[in-house]
Amino acid sequence: MTGFKERTRIANYTGLPELMSMFKQVADIRTADTLKLDVPDCEYQVVQVEATPFQQELLPII
C-alpha cells in the first residue's frame, strides 16, 4: 500500500481568480449579447402521457 488515495473529483479550489485570469488570456468568450444572434420565437407545451408498464416497473410510485 502506497498511502495514496485516488481522487475522481476536485474537493475544493484555491486561487480561483488567478485561474479565471489565465483562462481569459487564452479563451475567446462570446455571449448572446455580443453575438447579436436572432432567436426564434417559440411556444412551449407540456404534454402528460401515461407511463408505460416498463416505466411503472422502474418507478413503483407512479
PDB file of N, CA and C in Angstrom:
ATOM      1  N   MET A   1       0.850  -1.177   0.000  1.00  0.00           N
ATOM      2  CA  MET A   1       0.000   0.000   0.000  1.00  0.00           C
ATOM      3  C   MET A   1       0.890   1.234   0.000  1.00  0.00           C
ATOM      4  N   THR A   2       0.582   2.179  -0.904  1.00  0.00           N
ATOM      5  CA  THR A   2       1.443   3.351  -1.080  1.00  0.00           C
ATOM      6  C   THR A   2       1.067   4.522  -0.197  1.00  0.00           C
ATOM      7  N   GLY A   3      -0.113   4.535   0.345  1.00  0.00           N
ATOM      8  CA  GLY A   3      -0.544   5.657   1.168  1.00  0.00           C
ATOM      9  C   GLY A   3      -1.265   6.732   0.373  1.00  0.00           C
ATOM     10  N   PHE A   4      -1.383   6.549  -0.948  1.00  0.00           N
ATOM     11  CA  PHE A   4      -2.099   7.499  -1.782  1.00  0.00           C
ATOM     12  C   PHE A   4      -3.518   7.013  -2.011  1.00  0.00           C
ATOM     13  N   LYS A   5      -4.443   7.972  -2.091  1.00  0.00           N
ATOM     14  CA  LYS A   5      -5.830   7.637  -2.343  1.00  0.00           C
ATOM     15  C   LYS A   5      -6.251   8.301  -3.656  1.00  0.00           C
ATOM     16  N   GLU A   6      -6.827   7.523  -4.554  1.00  0.00           N
ATOM     17  CA  GLU A   6      -7.247   8.057  -5.843  1.00  0.00           C
ATOM     18  C   GLU A   6      -8.439   8.988  -5.664  1.00  0.00           C
ATOM     19  N   ARG A   7      -8.391  10.133  -6.330  1.00  0.00           N
ATOM     20  CA  ARG A   7      -9.487  11.102  -6.288  1.00  0.00           C
ATOM     21  C   ARG A   7     -10.111  11.184  -7.672  1.00  0.00           C
ATOM     22  N   THR A   8     -11.430  11.216  -7.718  1.00  0.00           N
ATOM     23  CA  THR A   8     -12.106  11.313  -9.005  1.00  0.00           C
ATOM     24  C   THR A   8     -12.693  12.694  -9.242  1.00  0.00           C
ATOM     25  N   ARG A   9     -12.624  13.581  -8.249  1.00  0.00           N
ATOM     26  CA  ARG A   9     -13.124  14.940  -8.422  1.00  0.00           C
ATOM     27  C   ARG A   9     -12.297  15.893  -7.564  1.00  0.00           C
ATOM     28  N   ILE A  10     -12.389  17.160  -7.876  1.00  0.00           N
ATOM     29  CA  ILE A  10     -11.666  18.171  -7.105  1.00  0.00           C
ATOM     30  C   ILE A  10     -12.480  18.486  -5.858  1.00  0.00           C
ATOM     31  N   ALA A  11     -11.852  18.447  -4.710  1.00  0.00           N
ATOM     32  CA  ALA A  11     -12.559  18.686  -3.453  1.00  0.00           C
ATOM     33  C   ALA A  11     -12.811  20.174  -3.228  1.00  0.00           C
ATOM     34  N   ASN A  12     -11.837  21.013  -3.544  1.00  0.00           N
ATOM     35  CA  ASN A  12     -12.009  22.453  -3.381  1.00  0.00           C
ATOM     36  C   ASN A  12     -11.056  23.194  -4.310  1.00  0.00           C
ATOM     37  N   TYR A  13     -11.308  24.460  -4.513  1.00  0.00           N
ATOM     38  CA  TYR A  13     -10.493  25.277  -5.392  1.00  0.00           C
ATOM     39  C   TYR A  13      -9.724  26.297  -4.567  1.00  0.00           C
ATOM     40  N   THR A  14      -8.490  26.533  -4.936  1.00  0.00           N
ATOM     41  CA  THR A  14      -7.721  27.626  -4.357  1.00  0.00           C
ATOM     42  C   THR A  14      -7.170  28.437  -5.518  1.00  0.00           C
ATOM     43  N   GLY A  15      -7.141  29.733  -5.380  1.00  0.00           N
ATOM     44  CA  GLY A  15      -6.631  30.592  -6.434  1.00  0.00           C
ATOM     45  C   GLY A  15      -7.559  30.694  -7.628  1.00  0.00           C
ATOM     46  N   LEU A  16      -8.878  30.686  -7.390  1.00  0.00           N
ATOM     47  CA  LEU A  16      -9.834  30.733  -8.486  1.00  0.00           C
ATOM     48  C   LEU A  16      -9.721  32.017  -9.311  1.00  0.00           C
ATOM     49  N   PRO A  17      -9.538  33.191  -8.705  1.00  0.00           N
ATOM     50  CA  PRO A  17      -9.384  34.397  -9.527  1.00  0.00           C
ATOM     51  C   PRO A  17      -8.179  34.317 -10.477  1.00  0.00           C
ATOM     52  N   GLU A  18      -7.075  33.733 -10.019  1.00  0.00           N
ATOM     53  CA  GLU A  18      -5.902  33.590 -10.875  1.00  0.00           C
ATOM     54  C   GLU A  18      -6.182  32.613 -12.014  1.00  0.00           C
ATOM     55  N   LEU A  19      -6.914  31.536 -11.723  1.00  0.00           N
ATOM     56  CA  LEU A  19      -7.272  30.572 -12.744  1.00  0.00           C
ATOM     57  C   LEU A  19      -8.169  31.211 -13.799  1.00  0.00           C
ATOM     58  N   MET A  20      -9.140  32.004 -13.377  1.00  0.00           N
ATOM     59  CA  MET A  20     -10.018  32.688 -14.321  1.00  0.00           C
ATOM     60  C   MET A  20      -9.231  33.678 -15.174  1.00  0.00           C
ATOM     61  N   SER A  21      -8.278  34.365 -14.571  1.00  0.00           N
ATOM     62  CA  SER A  21      -7.452  35.314 -15.317  1.00  0.00           C
ATOM     63  C   SER A  21      -6.651  34.600 -16.401  1.00  0.00           C
ATOM     64  N   MET A  22      -6.058  33.452 -16.073  1.00  0.00           N
ATOM     65  CA  MET A  22      -5.299  32.692 -17.070  1.00  0.00           C
ATOM     66  C   MET A  22      -6.223  32.174 -18.173  1.00  0.00           C
ATOM     67  N   PHE A  23      -7.412  31.730 -17.807  1.00  0.00           N
ATOM     68  CA  PHE A  23      -8.357  31.222 -18.793  1.00  0.00           C
ATOM     69  C   PHE A  23      -8.766  32.314 -19.768  1.00  0.00           C
ATOM     70  N   LYS A  24      -9.008  33.525 -19.264  1.00  0.00           N
ATOM     71  CA  LYS A  24      -9.424  34.633 -20.123  1.00  0.00           C
ATOM     72  C   LYS A  24      -8.318  35.065 -21.082  1.00  0.00           C
ATOM     73  N   GLN A  25      -7.068  34.754 -20.778  1.00  0.00           N
ATOM     74  CA  GLN A  25      -5.975  35.095 -21.684  1.00  0.00           C
ATOM     75  C   GLN A  25      -5.985  34.221 -22.939  1.00  0.00           C
ATOM     76  N   VAL A  26      -6.495  33.008 -22.845  1.00  0.00           N
ATOM     77  CA  VAL A  26      -6.466  32.085 -23.979  1.00  0.00           C
ATOM     78  C   VAL A  26      -7.851  31.813 -24.563  1.00  0.00           C
ATOM     79  N   ALA A  27      -8.919  32.191 -23.874  1.00  0.00           N
ATOM     80  CA  ALA A  27     -10.270  31.886 -24.331  1.00  0.00           C
ATOM     81  C   ALA A  27     -10.876  33.096 -25.030  1.00  0.00           C
ATOM     82  N   ASP A  28     -11.667  32.828 -26.045  1.00  0.00           N
ATOM     83  CA  ASP A  28     -12.418  33.862 -26.730  1.00  0.00           C
ATOM     84  C   ASP A  28     -13.870  33.706 -26.298  1.00  0.00           C
ATOM     85  N   ILE A  29     -14.253  34.429 -25.272  1.00  0.00           N
ATOM     86  CA  ILE A  29     -15.563  34.268 -24.657  1.00  0.00           C
ATOM     87  C   ILE A  29     -16.557  35.178 -25.354  1.00  0.00           C
ATOM     88  N   ARG A  30     -17.615  34.582 -25.851  1.00  0.00           N
ATOM     89  CA  ARG A  30     -18.686  35.334 -26.515  1.00  0.00           C
ATOM     90  C   ARG A  30     -19.995  35.012 -25.827  1.00  0.00           C
ATOM     91  N   THR A  31     -20.812  36.035 -25.639  1.00  0.00           N
ATOM     92  CA  THR A  31     -22.136  35.841 -25.057  1.00  0.00           C
ATOM     93  C   THR A  31     -23.183  36.162 -26.113  1.00  0.00           C
ATOM     94  N   ALA A  32     -24.423  35.862 -25.838  1.00  0.00           N
ATOM     95  CA  ALA A  32     -25.500  36.152 -26.783  1.00  0.00           C
ATOM     96  C   ALA A  32     -25.595  37.642 -27.072  1.00  0.00           C
ATOM     97  N   ASP A  33     -25.302  38.474 -26.074  1.00  0.00           N
ATOM     98  CA  ASP A  33     -25.357  39.923 -26.276  1.00  0.00           C
ATOM     99  C   ASP A  33     -24.304  40.394 -27.270  1.00  0.00           C
ATOM    100  N   THR A  34     -23.099  39.850 -27.199  1.00  0.00           N
ATOM    101  CA  THR A  34     -22.031  40.300 -28.092  1.00  0.00           C
ATOM    102  C   THR A  34     -22.188  39.732 -29.498  1.00  0.00           C
ATOM    103  N   LEU A  35     -22.851  38.578 -29.646  1.00  0.00           N
ATOM    104  CA  LEU A  35     -23.025  37.975 -30.962  1.00  0.00           C
ATOM    105  C   LEU A  35     -24.237  38.514 -31.705  1.00  0.00           C
ATOM    106  N   LYS A  36     -25.207  39.039 -30.969  1.00  0.00           N
ATOM    107  CA  LYS A  36     -26.434  39.597 -31.546  1.00  0.00           C
ATOM    108  C   LYS A  36     -27.097  38.616 -32.511  1.00  0.00           C
ATOM    109  N   LEU A  37     -27.309  37.414 -32.053  1.00  0.00           N
ATOM    110  CA  LEU A  37     -27.941  36.389 -32.856  1.00  0.00           C
ATOM    111  C   LEU A  37     -29.459  36.520 -32.811  1.00  0.00           C
ATOM    112  N   ASP A  38     -30.088  36.180 -33.923  1.00  0.00           N
ATOM    113  CA  ASP A  38     -31.548  36.145 -33.950  1.00  0.00           C
ATOM    114  C   ASP A  38     -32.022  34.903 -33.209  1.00  0.00           C
ATOM    115  N   VAL A  39     -32.959  35.097 -32.317  1.00  0.00           N
ATOM    116  CA  VAL A  39     -33.507  33.983 -31.550  1.00  0.00           C
ATOM    117  C   VAL A  39     -34.958  33.808 -31.983  1.00  0.00           C
ATOM    118  N   PRO A  40     -35.320  32.650 -32.477  1.00  0.00           N
ATOM    119  CA  PRO A  40     -36.701  32.459 -32.939  1.00  0.00           C
ATOM    120  C   PRO A  40     -37.676  32.425 -31.769  1.00  0.00           C
ATOM    121  N   ASP A  41     -38.886  32.878 -32.060  1.00  0.00           N
ATOM    122  CA  ASP A  41     -39.946  32.770 -31.063  1.00  0.00           C
ATOM    123  C   ASP A  41     -40.414  31.327 -31.019  1.00  0.00           C
ATOM    124  N   CYS A  42     -40.802  30.872 -29.849  1.00  0.00           N
ATOM    125  CA  CYS A  42     -41.283  29.509 -29.738  1.00  0.00           C
ATOM    126  C   CYS A  42     -42.369  29.435 -28.674  1.00  0.00           C
ATOM    127  N   GLU A  43     -43.107  28.382 -28.747  1.00  0.00           N
ATOM    128  CA  GLU A  43     -44.176  28.155 -27.791  1.00  0.00           C
ATOM    129  C   GLU A  43     -43.931  26.821 -27.098  1.00  0.00           C
ATOM    130  N   TYR A  44     -43.928  26.815 -25.782  1.00  0.00           N
ATOM    131  CA  TYR A  44     -43.668  25.603 -25.015  1.00  0.00           C
ATOM    132  C   TYR A  44     -44.989  24.949 -24.643  1.00  0.00           C
ATOM    133  N   GLN A  45     -45.019  23.640 -24.736  1.00  0.00           N
ATOM    134  CA  GLN A  45     -46.200  22.886 -24.339  1.00  0.00           C
ATOM    135  C   GLN A  45     -45.765  21.721 -23.463  1.00  0.00           C
ATOM    136  N   VAL A  46     -46.512  21.481 -22.393  1.00  0.00           N
ATOM    137  CA  VAL A  46     -46.269  20.330 -21.538  1.00  0.00           C
ATOM    138  C   VAL A  46     -47.357  19.310 -21.843  1.00  0.00           C
ATOM    139  N   VAL A  47     -46.935  18.136 -22.253  1.00  0.00           N
ATOM    140  CA  VAL A  47     -47.884  17.082 -22.610  1.00  0.00           C
ATOM    141  C   VAL A  47     -47.703  15.932 -21.627  1.00  0.00           C
ATOM    142  N   GLN A  48     -48.781  15.603 -20.921  1.00  0.00           N
ATOM    143  CA  GLN A  48     -48.719  14.498 -19.974  1.00  0.00           C
ATOM    144  C   GLN A  48     -49.197  13.217 -20.664  1.00  0.00           C
ATOM    145  N   VAL A  49     -48.407  12.176 -20.487  1.00  0.00           N
ATOM    146  CA  VAL A  49     -48.753  10.875 -21.062  1.00  0.00           C
ATOM    147  C   VAL A  49     -48.702   9.838 -19.952  1.00  0.00           C
ATOM    148  N   GLU A  50     -49.393   8.754 -20.183  1.00  0.00           N
ATOM    149  CA  GLU A  50     -49.384   7.661 -19.219  1.00  0.00           C
ATOM    150  C   GLU A  50     -48.037   6.947 -19.251  1.00  0.00           C
ATOM    151  N   ALA A  51     -47.617   6.483 -18.098  1.00  0.00           N
ATOM    152  CA  ALA A  51     -46.366   5.729 -18.014  1.00  0.00           C
ATOM    153  C   ALA A  51     -46.551   4.348 -18.630  1.00  0.00           C
ATOM    154  N   THR A  52     -45.492   3.883 -19.273  1.00  0.00           N
ATOM    155  CA  THR A  52     -45.530   2.534 -19.840  1.00  0.00           C
ATOM    156  C   THR A  52     -45.372   1.521 -18.703  1.00  0.00           C
ATOM    157  N   PRO A  53     -45.728   0.273 -18.935  1.00  0.00           N
ATOM    158  CA  PRO A  53     -45.526  -0.743 -17.894  1.00  0.00           C
ATOM    159  C   PRO A  53     -44.058  -0.842 -17.447  1.00  0.00           C
ATOM    160  N   PHE A  54     -43.148  -0.684 -18.390  1.00  0.00           N
ATOM    161  CA  PHE A  54     -41.727  -0.735 -18.032  1.00  0.00           C
ATOM    162  C   PHE A  54     -41.352   0.420 -17.107  1.00  0.00           C
ATOM    163  N   GLN A  55     -41.860   1.627 -17.394  1.00  0.00           N
ATOM    164  CA  GLN A  55     -41.591   2.776 -16.535  1.00  0.00           C
ATOM    165  C   GLN A  55     -42.205   2.589 -15.157  1.00  0.00           C
ATOM    166  N   GLN A  56     -43.382   2.013 -15.121  1.00  0.00           N
ATOM    167  CA  GLN A  56     -44.026   1.746 -13.837  1.00  0.00           C
ATOM    168  C   GLN A  56     -43.234   0.728 -13.029  1.00  0.00           C
ATOM    169  N   GLU A  57     -42.628  -0.201 -13.718  1.00  0.00           N
ATOM    170  CA  GLU A  57     -41.795  -1.203 -13.053  1.00  0.00           C
ATOM    171  C   GLU A  57     -40.550  -0.553 -12.445  1.00  0.00           C
ATOM    172  N   LEU A  58     -39.972   0.415 -13.172  1.00  0.00           N
ATOM    173  CA  LEU A  58     -38.774   1.098 -12.677  1.00  0.00           C
ATOM    174  C   LEU A  58     -39.102   2.044 -11.519  1.00  0.00           C
ATOM    175  N   LEU A  59     -40.258   2.683 -11.611  1.00  0.00           N
ATOM    176  CA  LEU A  59     -40.669   3.631 -10.576  1.00  0.00           C
ATOM    177  C   LEU A  59     -42.006   3.187 -10.003  1.00  0.00           C
ATOM    178  N   PRO A  60     -42.007   2.359  -8.998  1.00  0.00           N
ATOM    179  CA  PRO A  60     -43.260   1.809  -8.478  1.00  0.00           C
ATOM    180  C   PRO A  60     -44.172   2.860  -7.838  1.00  0.00           C
ATOM    181  N   ILE A  61     -43.702   4.105  -7.659  1.00  0.00           N
ATOM    182  CA  ILE A  61     -44.543   5.119  -7.020  1.00  0.00           C
ATOM    183  C   ILE A  61     -45.514   5.764  -8.003  1.00  0.00           C
ATOM    184  N   ILE A  62     -45.352   5.467  -9.298  1.00  0.00           N
ATOM    185  CA  ILE A  62     -46.228   6.071 -10.316  1.00  0.00           C
ATOM    186  C   ILE A  62     -47.588   5.400 -10.257  1.00  0.00           C
TER     187      ILE A  62
END
